[in-house]
Amino acid sequence: MKAFKLEQWNHPGTYVEIPKPIPGHGECLIKIRAAGLCRSDLDMLDSKPNSAPWATAISPGYILGHENAGIIEALGEGISDLKVGEGVVVHHLKHCGVCAFCVNGAEQHCEKYKRGDVVLTRGAGIDGGLAEYLVAPRSELVSIGDRDPVLYAPLTDAGVTAYHAVKSFIHRVRPNSTTAVIGIGGLGAYGVQFIKILSAAKIFAIDKSEGCLTTAKELGADEVLLSDASTATKILDMTNGNGIDYIVDFVGNDQTLALAAKISRPQGRIVVVGMEGGSVKLGWNHMATSCEFALSMGSTRQDLEDVCSLATAGKLRIDMQRFSFDQIQEAYDLLRAGRLTGRAVIVM
């Protein structure tokens, strides 16, 4: 079968021909219909040998693609609740199911698959879905029945990662609470939607792109602000000096982290999803008192179930730009240049 592999660090991906995989006990063979592309793919491709976090944690030589959806082609022994021809999406994070984290519902921190600051996932250390076929355990699959897998592919990382971050504080949100989403890209757009769907909080959307802010407004943001040196002052003025209760940073560089700390409110929460390597001073006089600071990592299979249910109910807008399998490099180039409309999805 055809596949697209990361074979060397700091080199473009390569098209290869490899044997079609065979499902074992408890596994399914999936004919891939769609695979989303992610900025973390670029981070991996651009990694220099022995550089953190990717090249110090995993080895090259794997198929890229961690946003995967397709059709069941064949069932391994022991599977009776799925059928050939049924649509499924793949939860890309591996988990053992028996370690302390898995047992307590935090399988994205599974001890067995932890590698330094990252976790082995499909498309990152383990073969992913930029291929004609993929084998995955039944425990990593969510059925979507006869629905179009192409529409669900971006939800398996961009959607579900944003959902997990929002879920970490949404139970504390009150009707008069304020929230801020920093970075309205592939994940931030879902962040705005989940806050809107799950709460009555006021949403501030912040980005350096007017186009992204237009999208945020369409998705339900109450206030949109261009990111510049005056953004924190403007937000404090708009909130009568109170600041923001709950902040999600989908960028994670020095500037966005500093902004989040400046606009934080006592007893609030700053959740960082973006992995742009920024740092910020925390503690007294650097952020609001009793405000929590957290790094949100990945998602759970239950999160994916929830997000797919919202999509099936027609509650999510799923923006994507479709590419064929032979256009993977073109799609990555557009992603790198910031010229995509929604998520890049390779349609097989």
C-alpha atoms as a PDB file:
ATOM      1  CA  MET A   1       0.000   0.000   0.000  1.00  0.00           C
ATOM      2  CA  LYS A   2       0.997   3.653  -0.351  1.00  0.00           C
ATOM      3  CA  ALA A   3       1.986   5.650   2.726  1.00  0.00           C
ATOM      4  CA  PHE A   4       3.674   8.940   3.670  1.00  0.00           C
ATOM      5  CA  LYS A   5       6.494   8.532   6.181  1.00  0.00           C
ATOM      6  CA  LEU A   6       8.785  10.637   8.292  1.00  0.00           C
ATOM      7  CA  GLU A   7      11.986   8.725   7.601  1.00  0.00           C
ATOM      8  CA  GLN A   8      14.605  11.224   8.801  1.00  0.00           C
ATOM      9  CA  TRP A   9      14.546  14.167  11.170  1.00  0.00           C
ATOM     10  CA  ASN A  10      14.715  17.601   9.536  1.00  0.00           C
ATOM     11  CA  HIS A  11      13.748  16.201   6.123  1.00  0.00           C
ATOM     12  CA  PRO A  12      10.502  16.345   4.131  1.00  0.00           C
ATOM     13  CA  GLY A  13       8.202  13.344   4.370  1.00  0.00           C
ATOM     14  CA  THR A  14       8.504  10.562   1.789  1.00  0.00           C
ATOM     15  CA  TYR A  15       5.996   8.504  -0.200  1.00  0.00           C
ATOM     16  CA  VAL A  16       6.686   4.792   0.217  1.00  0.00           C
ATOM     17  CA  GLU A  17       5.207   1.421  -0.729  1.00  0.00           C
ATOM     18  CA  ILE A  18       4.785  -0.941   2.243  1.00  0.00           C
ATOM     19  CA  PRO A  19       2.799  -4.133   2.923  1.00  0.00           C
ATOM     20  CA  LYS A  20      -0.871  -3.821   3.778  1.00  0.00           C
ATOM     21  CA  PRO A  21      -1.265  -4.427   7.547  1.00  0.00           C
ATOM     22  CA  ILE A  22      -3.172  -7.418   8.931  1.00  0.00           C
ATOM     23  CA  PRO A  23      -5.413  -7.043  11.999  1.00  0.00           C
ATOM     24  CA  GLY A  24      -4.698  -9.248  14.994  1.00  0.00           C
ATOM     25  CA  HIS A  25      -6.953 -10.280  17.854  1.00  0.00           C
ATOM     26  CA  GLY A  26      -9.075  -7.349  19.009  1.00  0.00           C
ATOM     27  CA  GLU A  27      -7.945  -5.148  16.111  1.00  0.00           C
ATOM     28  CA  CYS A  28      -9.645  -3.672  13.048  1.00  0.00           C
ATOM     29  CA  LEU A  29      -8.305  -2.996   9.575  1.00  0.00           C
ATOM     30  CA  ILE A  30      -9.473   0.471   8.545  1.00  0.00           C
ATOM     31  CA  LYS A  31      -9.566   1.725   4.989  1.00  0.00           C
ATOM     32  CA  ILE A  32      -8.571   5.349   5.510  1.00  0.00           C
ATOM     33  CA  ARG A  33     -10.928   7.890   3.990  1.00  0.00           C
ATOM     34  CA  ALA A  34      -9.457  11.044   5.519  1.00  0.00           C
ATOM     35  CA  ALA A  35      -6.452  12.165   7.567  1.00  0.00           C
ATOM     36  CA  GLY A  36      -6.069  15.672   8.964  1.00  0.00           C
ATOM     37  CA  LEU A  37      -2.754  17.519   9.051  1.00  0.00           C
ATOM     38  CA  CYS A  38      -1.504  19.328  12.140  1.00  0.00           C
ATOM     39  CA  ARG A  39       1.152  21.898  12.973  1.00  0.00           C
ATOM     40  CA  SER A  40       2.777  19.323  15.238  1.00  0.00           C
ATOM     41  CA  ASP A  41       3.485  17.336  12.050  1.00  0.00           C
ATOM     42  CA  LEU A  42       5.635  20.273  10.921  1.00  0.00           C
ATOM     43  CA  ASP A  43       7.332  20.399  14.315  1.00  0.00           C
ATOM     44  CA  MET A  44       8.272  16.739  13.920  1.00  0.00           C
ATOM     45  CA  LEU A  45       9.430  17.088  10.313  1.00  0.00           C
ATOM     46  CA  ASP A  46      11.520  20.137  11.251  1.00  0.00           C
ATOM     47  CA  SER A  47      13.097  18.499  14.319  1.00  0.00           C
ATOM     48  CA  LYS A  48      16.855  18.287  14.264  1.00  0.00           C
ATOM     49  CA  PRO A  49      18.446  15.037  15.476  1.00  0.00           C
ATOM     50  CA  ASN A  50      18.562  14.852  19.295  1.00  0.00           C
ATOM     51  CA  SER A  51      16.405  17.961  19.706  1.00  0.00           C
ATOM     52  CA  ALA A  52      13.558  18.152  22.222  1.00  0.00           C
ATOM     53  CA  PRO A  53      10.798  17.246  22.487  1.00  0.00           C
ATOM     54  CA  TRP A  54      10.313  14.909  19.505  1.00  0.00           C
ATOM     55  CA  ALA A  55      13.753  13.709  18.432  1.00  0.00           C
ATOM     56  CA  THR A  56      14.819  12.988  22.021  1.00  0.00           C
ATOM     57  CA  ALA A  57      11.694  10.935  22.713  1.00  0.00           C
ATOM     58  CA  ILE A  58      10.863   8.917  19.580  1.00  0.00           C
ATOM     59  CA  SER A  59      12.631   7.480  16.560  1.00  0.00           C
ATOM     60  CA  PRO A  60      11.943   8.389  12.914  1.00  0.00           C
ATOM     61  CA  GLY A  61      10.602   5.851  10.442  1.00  0.00           C
ATOM     62  CA  TYR A  62       6.860   6.063  11.049  1.00  0.00           C
ATOM     63  CA  ILE A  63       3.814   6.988   8.966  1.00  0.00           C
ATOM     64  CA  LEU A  64       2.519  10.474   9.733  1.00  0.00           C
ATOM     65  CA  GLY A  65      -1.122  11.377  10.319  1.00  0.00           C
ATOM     66  CA  HIS A  66      -2.862  11.454  13.707  1.00  0.00           C
ATOM     67  CA  GLU A  67      -6.332  12.678  12.676  1.00  0.00           C
ATOM     68  CA  ASN A  68      -7.769   9.552  11.115  1.00  0.00           C
ATOM     69  CA  ALA A  69     -11.189   8.416   9.985  1.00  0.00           C
ATOM     70  CA  GLY A  70     -12.283   5.638   7.669  1.00  0.00           C
ATOM     71  CA  ILE A  71     -14.321   2.507   7.041  1.00  0.00           C
ATOM     72  CA  ILE A  72     -13.923  -0.919   8.636  1.00  0.00           C
ATOM     73  CA  GLU A  73     -12.359  -3.187   6.015  1.00  0.00           C
ATOM     74  CA  ALA A  74     -11.838  -6.292   8.157  1.00  0.00           C
ATOM     75  CA  LEU A  75     -12.315  -7.395  11.763  1.00  0.00           C
ATOM     76  CA  GLY A  76      -9.819  -9.308  13.841  1.00  0.00           C
ATOM     77  CA  GLU A  77     -10.907 -12.085  16.168  1.00  0.00           C
ATOM     78  CA  GLY A  78     -12.876 -11.110  19.253  1.00  0.00           C
ATOM     79  CA  ILE A  79     -14.759  -8.113  17.834  1.00  0.00           C
ATOM     80  CA  SER A  80     -18.533  -8.412  17.669  1.00  0.00           C
ATOM     81  CA  ASP A  81     -19.856  -4.853  18.109  1.00  0.00           C
ATOM     82  CA  LEU A  82     -18.568  -3.403  14.824  1.00  0.00           C
ATOM     83  CA  LYS A  83     -19.203  -4.536  11.262  1.00  0.00           C
ATOM     84  CA  VAL A  84     -17.414  -4.326   7.936  1.00  0.00           C
ATOM     85  CA  GLY A  85     -18.376  -1.118   6.128  1.00  0.00           C
ATOM     86  CA  GLU A  86     -19.034   0.838   9.335  1.00  0.00           C
ATOM     87  CA  GLY A  87     -17.497   4.298   9.700  1.00  0.00           C
ATOM     88  CA  VAL A  88     -15.038   4.878  12.556  1.00  0.00           C
ATOM     89  CA  VAL A  89     -12.691   7.529  13.882  1.00  0.00           C
ATOM     90  CA  VAL A  90      -9.443   6.714  15.671  1.00  0.00           C
ATOM     91  CA  HIS A  91      -8.415   8.088  19.059  1.00  0.00           C
ATOM     92  CA  HIS A  92      -4.762   8.633  18.299  1.00  0.00           C
ATOM     93  CA  LEU A  93      -3.343   8.512  21.840  1.00  0.00           C
ATOM     94  CA  LYS A  94      -2.147   5.072  22.902  1.00  0.00           C
ATOM     95  CA  HIS A  95      -3.024   3.754  26.354  1.00  0.00           C
ATOM     96  CA  CYS A  96      -2.532   0.504  28.248  1.00  0.00           C
ATOM     97  CA  GLY A  97      -5.755   0.622  30.264  1.00  0.00           C
ATOM     98  CA  VAL A  98      -4.177  -0.639  33.500  1.00  0.00           C
ATOM     99  CA  CYS A  99      -1.699   1.973  34.793  1.00  0.00           C
ATOM    100  CA  ALA A 100      -2.723   4.474  37.492  1.00  0.00           C
ATOM    101  CA  PHE A 101      -3.490   7.207  34.946  1.00  0.00           C
ATOM    102  CA  CYS A 102      -5.590   4.965  32.697  1.00  0.00           C
ATOM    103  CA  VAL A 103      -7.569   3.570  35.617  1.00  0.00           C
ATOM    104  CA  ASN A 104      -8.338   7.114  36.785  1.00  0.00           C
ATOM    105  CA  GLY A 105      -9.600   8.275  33.385  1.00  0.00           C
ATOM    106  CA  ALA A 106      -6.469  10.121  32.271  1.00  0.00           C
ATOM    107  CA  GLU A 107      -5.172   7.723  29.632  1.00  0.00           C
ATOM    108  CA  GLN A 108      -3.500  10.555  27.730  1.00  0.00           C
ATOM    109  CA  HIS A 109      -0.838  10.377  30.468  1.00  0.00           C
ATOM    110  CA  CYS A 110      -0.439   6.602  30.188  1.00  0.00           C
ATOM    111  CA  GLU A 111       2.792   5.516  31.851  1.00  0.00           C
ATOM    112  CA  LYS A 112       3.463   2.769  29.322  1.00  0.00           C
ATOM    113  CA  TYR A 113       3.505   5.100  26.316  1.00  0.00           C
ATOM    114  CA  LYS A 114       5.050   8.184  27.930  1.00  0.00           C
ATOM    115  CA  ARG A 115       8.299   9.258  26.266  1.00  0.00           C
ATOM    116  CA  GLY A 116       9.849  12.308  27.903  1.00  0.00           C
ATOM    117  CA  ASP A 117       7.512  15.257  27.346  1.00  0.00           C
ATOM    118  CA  VAL A 118       5.453  13.459  24.693  1.00  0.00           C
ATOM    119  CA  VAL A 119       3.302  10.357  24.424  1.00  0.00           C
ATOM    120  CA  LEU A 120       3.591   7.760  21.670  1.00  0.00           C
ATOM    121  CA  THR A 121       0.635   8.324  19.373  1.00  0.00           C
ATOM    122  CA  ARG A 122      -0.523   7.307  15.937  1.00  0.00           C
ATOM    123  CA  GLY A 123       1.407   9.589  13.620  1.00  0.00           C
ATOM    124  CA  ALA A 124       4.060  10.347  16.244  1.00  0.00           C
ATOM    125  CA  GLY A 125       6.321   7.388  16.880  1.00  0.00           C
ATOM    126  CA  ILE A 126       3.690   4.843  15.800  1.00  0.00           C
ATOM    127  CA  ASP A 127       2.322   4.449  12.263  1.00  0.00           C
ATOM    128  CA  GLY A 128      -0.519   6.875  11.558  1.00  0.00           C
ATOM    129  CA  GLY A 129      -3.164   7.339   8.908  1.00  0.00           C
ATOM    130  CA  LEU A 130      -1.436   8.986   5.946  1.00  0.00           C
ATOM    131  CA  ALA A 131      -1.749   5.637   4.214  1.00  0.00           C
ATOM    132  CA  GLU A 132      -4.325   3.553   2.434  1.00  0.00           C
ATOM    133  CA  TYR A 133      -4.921   1.329   5.467  1.00  0.00           C
ATOM    134  CA  LEU A 134      -4.443   1.455   9.230  1.00  0.00           C
ATOM    135  CA  VAL A 135      -4.753  -1.223  11.924  1.00  0.00           C
ATOM    136  CA  ALA A 136      -6.015  -0.105  15.334  1.00  0.00           C
ATOM    137  CA  PRO A 137      -7.316  -1.828  18.476  1.00  0.00           C
ATOM    138  CA  ARG A 138     -11.071  -1.775  19.023  1.00  0.00           C
ATOM    139  CA  SER A 139     -10.452   0.189  22.247  1.00  0.00           C
ATOM    140  CA  GLU A 140      -9.159   3.164  20.231  1.00  0.00           C
ATOM    141  CA  LEU A 141     -12.135   3.396  17.849  1.00  0.00           C
ATOM    142  CA  VAL A 142     -15.368   5.367  17.984  1.00  0.00           C
ATOM    143  CA  SER A 143     -18.146   4.376  15.605  1.00  0.00           C
ATOM    144  CA  ILE A 144     -19.797   7.028  13.425  1.00  0.00           C
ATOM    145  CA  GLY A 145     -22.057   4.534  11.657  1.00  0.00           C
ATOM    146  CA  ASP A 146     -22.872   5.516   8.092  1.00  0.00           C
ATOM    147  CA  ARG A 147     -21.785   9.144   8.436  1.00  0.00           C
ATOM    148  CA  ASP A 148     -19.075  10.654   6.227  1.00  0.00           C
ATOM    149  CA  PRO A 149     -15.654   9.977   7.812  1.00  0.00           C
ATOM    150  CA  VAL A 150     -14.142  12.973   6.022  1.00  0.00           C
ATOM    151  CA  LEU A 151     -16.173  15.390   8.148  1.00  0.00           C
ATOM    152  CA  TYR A 152     -15.048  13.747  11.383  1.00  0.00           C
ATOM    153  CA  ALA A 153     -11.297  13.463  10.741  1.00  0.00           C
ATOM    154  CA  PRO A 154     -10.386  16.950  12.097  1.00  0.00           C
ATOM    155  CA  LEU A 155     -12.274  16.224  15.302  1.00  0.00           C
ATOM    156  CA  THR A 156      -9.889  13.427  16.315  1.00  0.00           C
ATOM    157  CA  ASP A 157      -7.175  15.871  17.387  1.00  0.00           C
ATOM    158  CA  ALA A 158      -8.024  19.521  16.690  1.00  0.00           C
ATOM    159  CA  GLY A 159     -11.558  19.133  17.962  1.00  0.00           C
ATOM    160  CA  VAL A 160     -10.998  16.744  20.835  1.00  0.00           C
ATOM    161  CA  THR A 161      -7.870  18.489  22.165  1.00  0.00           C
ATOM    162  CA  ALA A 162      -9.743  21.790  22.336  1.00  0.00           C
ATOM    163  CA  TYR A 163     -12.672  20.046  24.016  1.00  0.00           C
ATOM    164  CA  HIS A 164     -10.454  18.501  26.688  1.00  0.00           C
ATOM    165  CA  ALA A 165      -8.926  21.895  27.509  1.00  0.00           C
ATOM    166  CA  VAL A 166     -12.320  23.599  27.766  1.00  0.00           C
ATOM    167  CA  LYS A 167     -13.757  20.727  29.813  1.00  0.00           C
ATOM    168  CA  SER A 168     -11.094  21.303  32.486  1.00  0.00           C
ATOM    169  CA  PHE A 169     -12.858  24.477  33.633  1.00  0.00           C
ATOM    170  CA  ILE A 170     -16.325  24.509  32.062  1.00  0.00           C
ATOM    171  CA  HIS A 171     -17.970  23.004  35.167  1.00  0.00           C
ATOM    172  CA  ARG A 172     -16.943  26.130  37.106  1.00  0.00           C
ATOM    173  CA  VAL A 173     -18.302  28.640  34.612  1.00  0.00           C
ATOM    174  CA  ARG A 174     -21.271  30.799  35.663  1.00  0.00           C
ATOM    175  CA  PRO A 175     -23.536  32.907  33.404  1.00  0.00           C
ATOM    176  CA  ASN A 176     -21.558  36.051  34.295  1.00  0.00           C
ATOM    177  CA  SER A 177     -18.142  34.417  33.834  1.00  0.00           C
ATOM    178  CA  THR A 178     -15.677  35.681  31.241  1.00  0.00           C
ATOM    179  CA  THR A 179     -13.519  33.492  29.028  1.00  0.00           C
ATOM    180  CA  ALA A 180     -10.752  34.216  26.552  1.00  0.00           C
ATOM    181  CA  VAL A 181      -9.513  32.116  23.647  1.00  0.00           C
ATOM    182  CA  ILE A 182      -6.047  33.100  22.424  1.00  0.00           C
ATOM    183  CA  GLY A 183      -5.296  31.887  18.900  1.00  0.00           C
ATOM    184  CA  ILE A 184      -8.269  31.191  16.625  1.00  0.00           C
ATOM    185  CA  GLY A 185      -6.665  28.586  14.383  1.00  0.00           C
ATOM    186  CA  GLY A 186      -7.559  24.951  13.819  1.00  0.00           C
ATOM    187  CA  LEU A 187      -7.954  24.306  17.563  1.00  0.00           C
ATOM    188  CA  GLY A 188      -9.004  27.737  18.792  1.00  0.00           C
ATOM    189  CA  ALA A 189     -12.017  27.798  16.473  1.00  0.00           C
ATOM    190  CA  TYR A 190     -13.280  24.657  18.207  1.00  0.00           C
ATOM    191  CA  GLY A 191     -12.446  26.176  21.595  1.00  0.00           C
ATOM    192  CA  VAL A 192     -14.802  29.073  20.914  1.00  0.00           C
ATOM    193  CA  GLN A 193     -17.538  26.672  19.833  1.00  0.00           C
ATOM    194  CA  PHE A 194     -17.250  24.400  22.862  1.00  0.00           C
ATOM    195  CA  ILE A 195     -17.393  27.302  25.316  1.00  0.00           C
ATOM    196  CA  LYS A 196     -20.450  28.619  23.469  1.00  0.00           C
ATOM    197  CA  ILE A 197     -22.181  25.223  23.409  1.00  0.00           C
ATOM    198  CA  LEU A 198     -21.425  24.258  27.004  1.00  0.00           C
ATOM    199  CA  SER A 199     -21.858  27.561  28.858  1.00  0.00           C
ATOM    200  CA  ALA A 200     -23.330  31.046  28.925  1.00  0.00           C
ATOM    201  CA  ALA A 201     -19.947  32.700  29.514  1.00  0.00           C
ATOM    202  CA  LYS A 202     -18.863  35.812  27.648  1.00  0.00           C
ATOM    203  CA  ILE A 203     -16.156  34.915  25.124  1.00  0.00           C
ATOM    204  CA  PHE A 204     -13.211  37.155  24.169  1.00  0.00           C
ATOM    205  CA  ALA A 205     -11.350  35.927  21.071  1.00  0.00           C
ATOM    206  CA  ILE A 206      -7.784  37.133  20.460  1.00  0.00           C
ATOM    207  CA  ASP A 207      -5.685  36.642  17.340  1.00  0.00           C
ATOM    208  CA  LYS A 208      -3.218  38.510  15.128  1.00  0.00           C
ATOM    209  CA  SER A 209      -5.325  37.817  12.020  1.00  0.00           C
ATOM    210  CA  GLU A 210      -8.450  39.781  11.087  1.00  0.00           C
ATOM    211  CA  GLY A 211      -9.691  36.767   9.140  1.00  0.00           C
ATOM    212  CA  CYS A 212      -9.433  34.517  12.193  1.00  0.00           C
ATOM    213  CA  LEU A 213     -11.297  37.081  14.277  1.00  0.00           C
ATOM    214  CA  THR A 214     -14.071  37.166  11.687  1.00  0.00           C
ATOM    215  CA  THR A 215     -14.317  33.390  12.036  1.00  0.00           C
ATOM    216  CA  ALA A 216     -14.404  33.686  15.833  1.00  0.00           C
ATOM    217  CA  LYS A 217     -17.292  36.149  15.619  1.00  0.00           C
ATOM    218  CA  GLU A 218     -19.191  33.807  13.315  1.00  0.00           C
ATOM    219  CA  LEU A 219     -18.657  30.956  15.774  1.00  0.00           C
ATOM    220  CA  GLY A 220     -20.083  32.872  18.726  1.00  0.00           C
ATOM    221  CA  ALA A 221     -17.343  35.040  20.254  1.00  0.00           C
ATOM    222  CA  ASP A 222     -18.797  38.121  21.950  1.00  0.00           C
ATOM    223  CA  GLU A 223     -15.693  40.308  21.632  1.00  0.00           C
ATOM    224  CA  VAL A 224     -12.773  40.007  19.204  1.00  0.00           C
ATOM    225  CA  LEU A 225      -9.410  41.719  19.615  1.00  0.00           C
ATOM    226  CA  LEU A 226      -6.302  41.921  17.484  1.00  0.00           C
ATOM    227  CA  SER A 227      -3.270  40.797  19.418  1.00  0.00           C
ATOM    228  CA  ASP A 228      -0.848  43.706  19.971  1.00  0.00           C
ATOM    229  CA  ALA A 229       0.902  45.562  22.791  1.00  0.00           C
ATOM    230  CA  SER A 230      -2.375  47.149  23.941  1.00  0.00           C
ATOM    231  CA  THR A 231      -4.518  44.011  24.095  1.00  0.00           C
ATOM    232  CA  ALA A 232      -4.195  43.439  27.844  1.00  0.00           C
ATOM    233  CA  THR A 233      -5.082  47.060  28.618  1.00  0.00           C
ATOM    234  CA  LYS A 234      -8.118  46.903  26.339  1.00  0.00           C
ATOM    235  CA  ILE A 235      -9.394  43.717  27.964  1.00  0.00           C
ATOM    236  CA  LEU A 236      -8.941  45.109  31.468  1.00  0.00           C
ATOM    237  CA  ASP A 237     -10.846  48.229  30.403  1.00  0.00           C
ATOM    238  CA  MET A 238     -13.640  46.129  28.865  1.00  0.00           C
ATOM    239  CA  THR A 239     -13.970  44.081  32.075  1.00  0.00           C
ATOM    240  CA  ASN A 240     -13.906  47.088  34.441  1.00  0.00           C
ATOM    241  CA  GLY A 241     -10.425  46.125  35.570  1.00  0.00           C
ATOM    242  CA  ASN A 242     -11.486  42.641  36.641  1.00  0.00           C
ATOM    243  CA  GLY A 243      -9.773  40.588  33.940  1.00  0.00           C
ATOM    244  CA  ILE A 244     -10.790  37.185  32.612  1.00  0.00           C
ATOM    245  CA  ASP A 245     -11.912  34.173  34.639  1.00  0.00           C
ATOM    246  CA  TYR A 246     -10.912  31.350  32.273  1.00  0.00           C
ATOM    247  CA  ILE A 247      -8.281  31.602  29.548  1.00  0.00           C
ATOM    248  CA  VAL A 248      -7.235  29.046  26.927  1.00  0.00           C
ATOM    249  CA  ASP A 249      -3.993  29.725  25.063  1.00  0.00           C
ATOM    250  CA  PHE A 250      -3.796  27.751  21.816  1.00  0.00           C
ATOM    251  CA  VAL A 251      -0.481  29.377  20.833  1.00  0.00           C
ATOM    252  CA  GLY A 252       1.835  29.089  23.820  1.00  0.00           C
ATOM    253  CA  ASN A 253       4.609  31.544  22.940  1.00  0.00           C
ATOM    254  CA  ASP A 254       6.179  34.180  25.203  1.00  0.00           C
ATOM    255  CA  GLN A 255       3.748  36.885  24.113  1.00  0.00           C
ATOM    256  CA  THR A 256       0.535  34.901  24.504  1.00  0.00           C
ATOM    257  CA  LEU A 257       1.555  33.457  27.863  1.00  0.00           C
ATOM    258  CA  ALA A 258       2.421  36.942  29.145  1.00  0.00           C
ATOM    259  CA  LEU A 259      -0.949  38.207  27.916  1.00  0.00           C
ATOM    260  CA  ALA A 260      -2.787  35.385  29.682  1.00  0.00           C
ATOM    261  CA  ALA A 261      -1.018  36.139  32.967  1.00  0.00           C
ATOM    262  CA  LYS A 262      -1.771  39.878  32.701  1.00  0.00           C
ATOM    263  CA  ILE A 263      -5.498  39.423  32.114  1.00  0.00           C
ATOM    264  CA  SER A 264      -6.046  36.596  34.608  1.00  0.00           C
ATOM    265  CA  ARG A 265      -8.607  37.012  37.378  1.00  0.00           C
ATOM    266  CA  PRO A 266      -8.463  35.687  40.971  1.00  0.00           C
ATOM    267  CA  GLN A 267      -9.601  32.056  41.288  1.00  0.00           C
ATOM    268  CA  GLY A 268      -9.543  31.691  37.524  1.00  0.00           C
ATOM    269  CA  ARG A 269      -7.641  29.255  35.340  1.00  0.00           C
ATOM    270  CA  ILE A 270      -5.120  29.597  32.517  1.00  0.00           C
ATOM    271  CA  VAL A 271      -5.007  26.506  30.283  1.00  0.00           C
ATOM    272  CA  VAL A 272      -2.144  26.245  27.787  1.00  0.00           C
ATOM    273  CA  VAL A 273      -2.572  23.975  24.771  1.00  0.00           C
ATOM    274  CA  GLY A 274      -0.174  25.577  22.271  1.00  0.00           C
ATOM    275  CA  MET A 275       3.333  24.164  22.063  1.00  0.00           C
ATOM    276  CA  GLU A 276       5.348  27.077  20.678  1.00  0.00           C
ATOM    277  CA  GLY A 277       7.870  26.800  23.499  1.00  0.00           C
ATOM    278  CA  GLY A 278       7.132  30.016  25.348  1.00  0.00           C
ATOM    279  CA  SER A 279       7.728  30.719  29.019  1.00  0.00           C
ATOM    280  CA  VAL A 280       6.303  33.151  31.534  1.00  0.00           C
ATOM    281  CA  LYS A 281       6.932  34.293  35.111  1.00  0.00           C
ATOM    282  CA  LEU A 282       4.296  33.062  37.527  1.00  0.00           C
ATOM    283  CA  GLY A 283       3.701  33.752  41.187  1.00  0.00           C
ATOM    284  CA  TRP A 284       3.035  36.858  43.273  1.00  0.00           C
ATOM    285  CA  ASN A 285       2.606  40.046  41.196  1.00  0.00           C
ATOM    286  CA  HIS A 286       2.805  38.063  37.939  1.00  0.00           C
ATOM    287  CA  MET A 287      -0.722  36.620  37.817  1.00  0.00           C
ATOM    288  CA  ALA A 288      -3.949  36.925  39.752  1.00  0.00           C
ATOM    289  CA  THR A 289      -4.050  35.379  43.212  1.00  0.00           C
ATOM    290  CA  SER A 290      -5.426  31.821  43.415  1.00  0.00           C
ATOM    291  CA  CYS A 291      -5.450  31.596  39.615  1.00  0.00           C
ATOM    292  CA  GLU A 292      -4.464  28.145  38.372  1.00  0.00           C
ATOM    293  CA  PHE A 293      -1.989  27.571  35.543  1.00  0.00           C
ATOM    294  CA  ALA A 294      -2.182  24.265  33.672  1.00  0.00           C
ATOM    295  CA  LEU A 295      -0.721  22.589  30.600  1.00  0.00           C
ATOM    296  CA  SER A 296      -3.462  20.630  28.842  1.00  0.00           C
ATOM    297  CA  MET A 297      -2.262  17.451  27.162  1.00  0.00           C
ATOM    298  CA  GLY A 298      -4.268  15.498  24.624  1.00  0.00           C
ATOM    299  CA  SER A 299      -7.645  13.957  25.321  1.00  0.00           C
ATOM    300  CA  THR A 300      -9.424  10.778  26.329  1.00  0.00           C
ATOM    301  CA  ARG A 301     -11.430   8.366  24.234  1.00  0.00           C
ATOM    302  CA  GLN A 302     -14.537   9.568  26.096  1.00  0.00           C
ATOM    303  CA  ASP A 303     -13.739  13.109  24.951  1.00  0.00           C
ATOM    304  CA  LEU A 304     -13.763  11.821  21.370  1.00  0.00           C
ATOM    305  CA  GLU A 305     -17.132  10.135  21.949  1.00  0.00           C
ATOM    306  CA  ASP A 306     -18.520  13.448  23.258  1.00  0.00           C
ATOM    307  CA  VAL A 307     -17.168  15.519  20.379  1.00  0.00           C
ATOM    308  CA  CYS A 308     -18.453  13.090  17.743  1.00  0.00           C
ATOM    309  CA  SER A 309     -21.879  13.201  19.400  1.00  0.00           C
ATOM    310  CA  LEU A 310     -21.921  16.998  19.175  1.00  0.00           C
ATOM    311  CA  ALA A 311     -20.941  16.809  15.510  1.00  0.00           C
ATOM    312  CA  THR A 312     -23.616  14.212  14.776  1.00  0.00           C
ATOM    313  CA  ALA A 313     -26.182  16.479  16.444  1.00  0.00           C
ATOM    314  CA  GLY A 314     -25.170  19.247  14.024  1.00  0.00           C
ATOM    315  CA  LYS A 315     -23.786  21.521  16.740  1.00  0.00           C
ATOM    316  CA  LEU A 316     -20.259  21.959  15.347  1.00  0.00           C
ATOM    317  CA  ARG A 317     -19.004  23.866  12.338  1.00  0.00           C
ATOM    318  CA  ILE A 318     -16.175  21.851  10.816  1.00  0.00           C
ATOM    319  CA  ASP A 319     -14.047  24.002   8.506  1.00  0.00           C
ATOM    320  CA  MET A 320     -11.577  22.185   6.281  1.00  0.00           C
ATOM    321  CA  GLN A 321      -9.636  22.421   3.051  1.00  0.00           C
ATOM    322  CA  ARG A 322      -9.461  19.135   1.154  1.00  0.00           C
ATOM    323  CA  PHE A 323      -6.386  17.746  -0.610  1.00  0.00           C
ATOM    324  CA  SER A 324      -5.704  14.509  -2.450  1.00  0.00           C
ATOM    325  CA  PHE A 325      -3.120  11.993  -1.253  1.00  0.00           C
ATOM    326  CA  ASP A 326      -0.544  13.202  -3.784  1.00  0.00           C
ATOM    327  CA  GLN A 327      -0.920  16.797  -2.478  1.00  0.00           C
ATOM    328  CA  ILE A 328       0.366  16.167   1.045  1.00  0.00           C
ATOM    329  CA  GLN A 329       3.480  18.309   0.638  1.00  0.00           C
ATOM    330  CA  GLU A 330       1.447  21.116  -0.933  1.00  0.00           C
ATOM    331  CA  ALA A 331      -0.934  20.995   2.032  1.00  0.00           C
ATOM    332  CA  TYR A 332       1.963  21.115   4.515  1.00  0.00           C
ATOM    333  CA  ASP A 333       3.438  24.103   2.654  1.00  0.00           C
ATOM    334  CA  LEU A 334       0.138  25.993   2.936  1.00  0.00           C
ATOM    335  CA  LEU A 335      -0.130  25.066   6.605  1.00  0.00           C
ATOM    336  CA  ARG A 336       3.379  26.365   7.228  1.00  0.00           C
ATOM    337  CA  ALA A 337       2.568  29.623   5.425  1.00  0.00           C
ATOM    338  CA  GLY A 338      -0.689  30.109   7.353  1.00  0.00           C
ATOM    339  CA  ARG A 339      -2.723  30.150   4.144  1.00  0.00           C
ATOM    340  CA  LEU A 340      -5.263  27.418   4.869  1.00  0.00           C
ATOM    341  CA  THR A 341      -8.996  27.808   5.244  1.00  0.00           C
ATOM    342  CA  GLY A 342      -9.771  25.557   8.195  1.00  0.00           C
ATOM    343  CA  ARG A 343      -8.016  22.249   8.799  1.00  0.00           C
ATOM    344  CA  ALA A 344      -6.063  20.602   5.978  1.00  0.00           C
ATOM    345  CA  VAL A 345      -7.572  17.162   5.355  1.00  0.00           C
ATOM    346  CA  ILE A 346      -6.106  14.558   3.010  1.00  0.00           C
ATOM    347  CA  VAL A 347      -9.013  12.752   1.361  1.00  0.00           C
ATOM    348  CA  MET A 348      -8.168   9.292   0.059  1.00  0.00           C
END
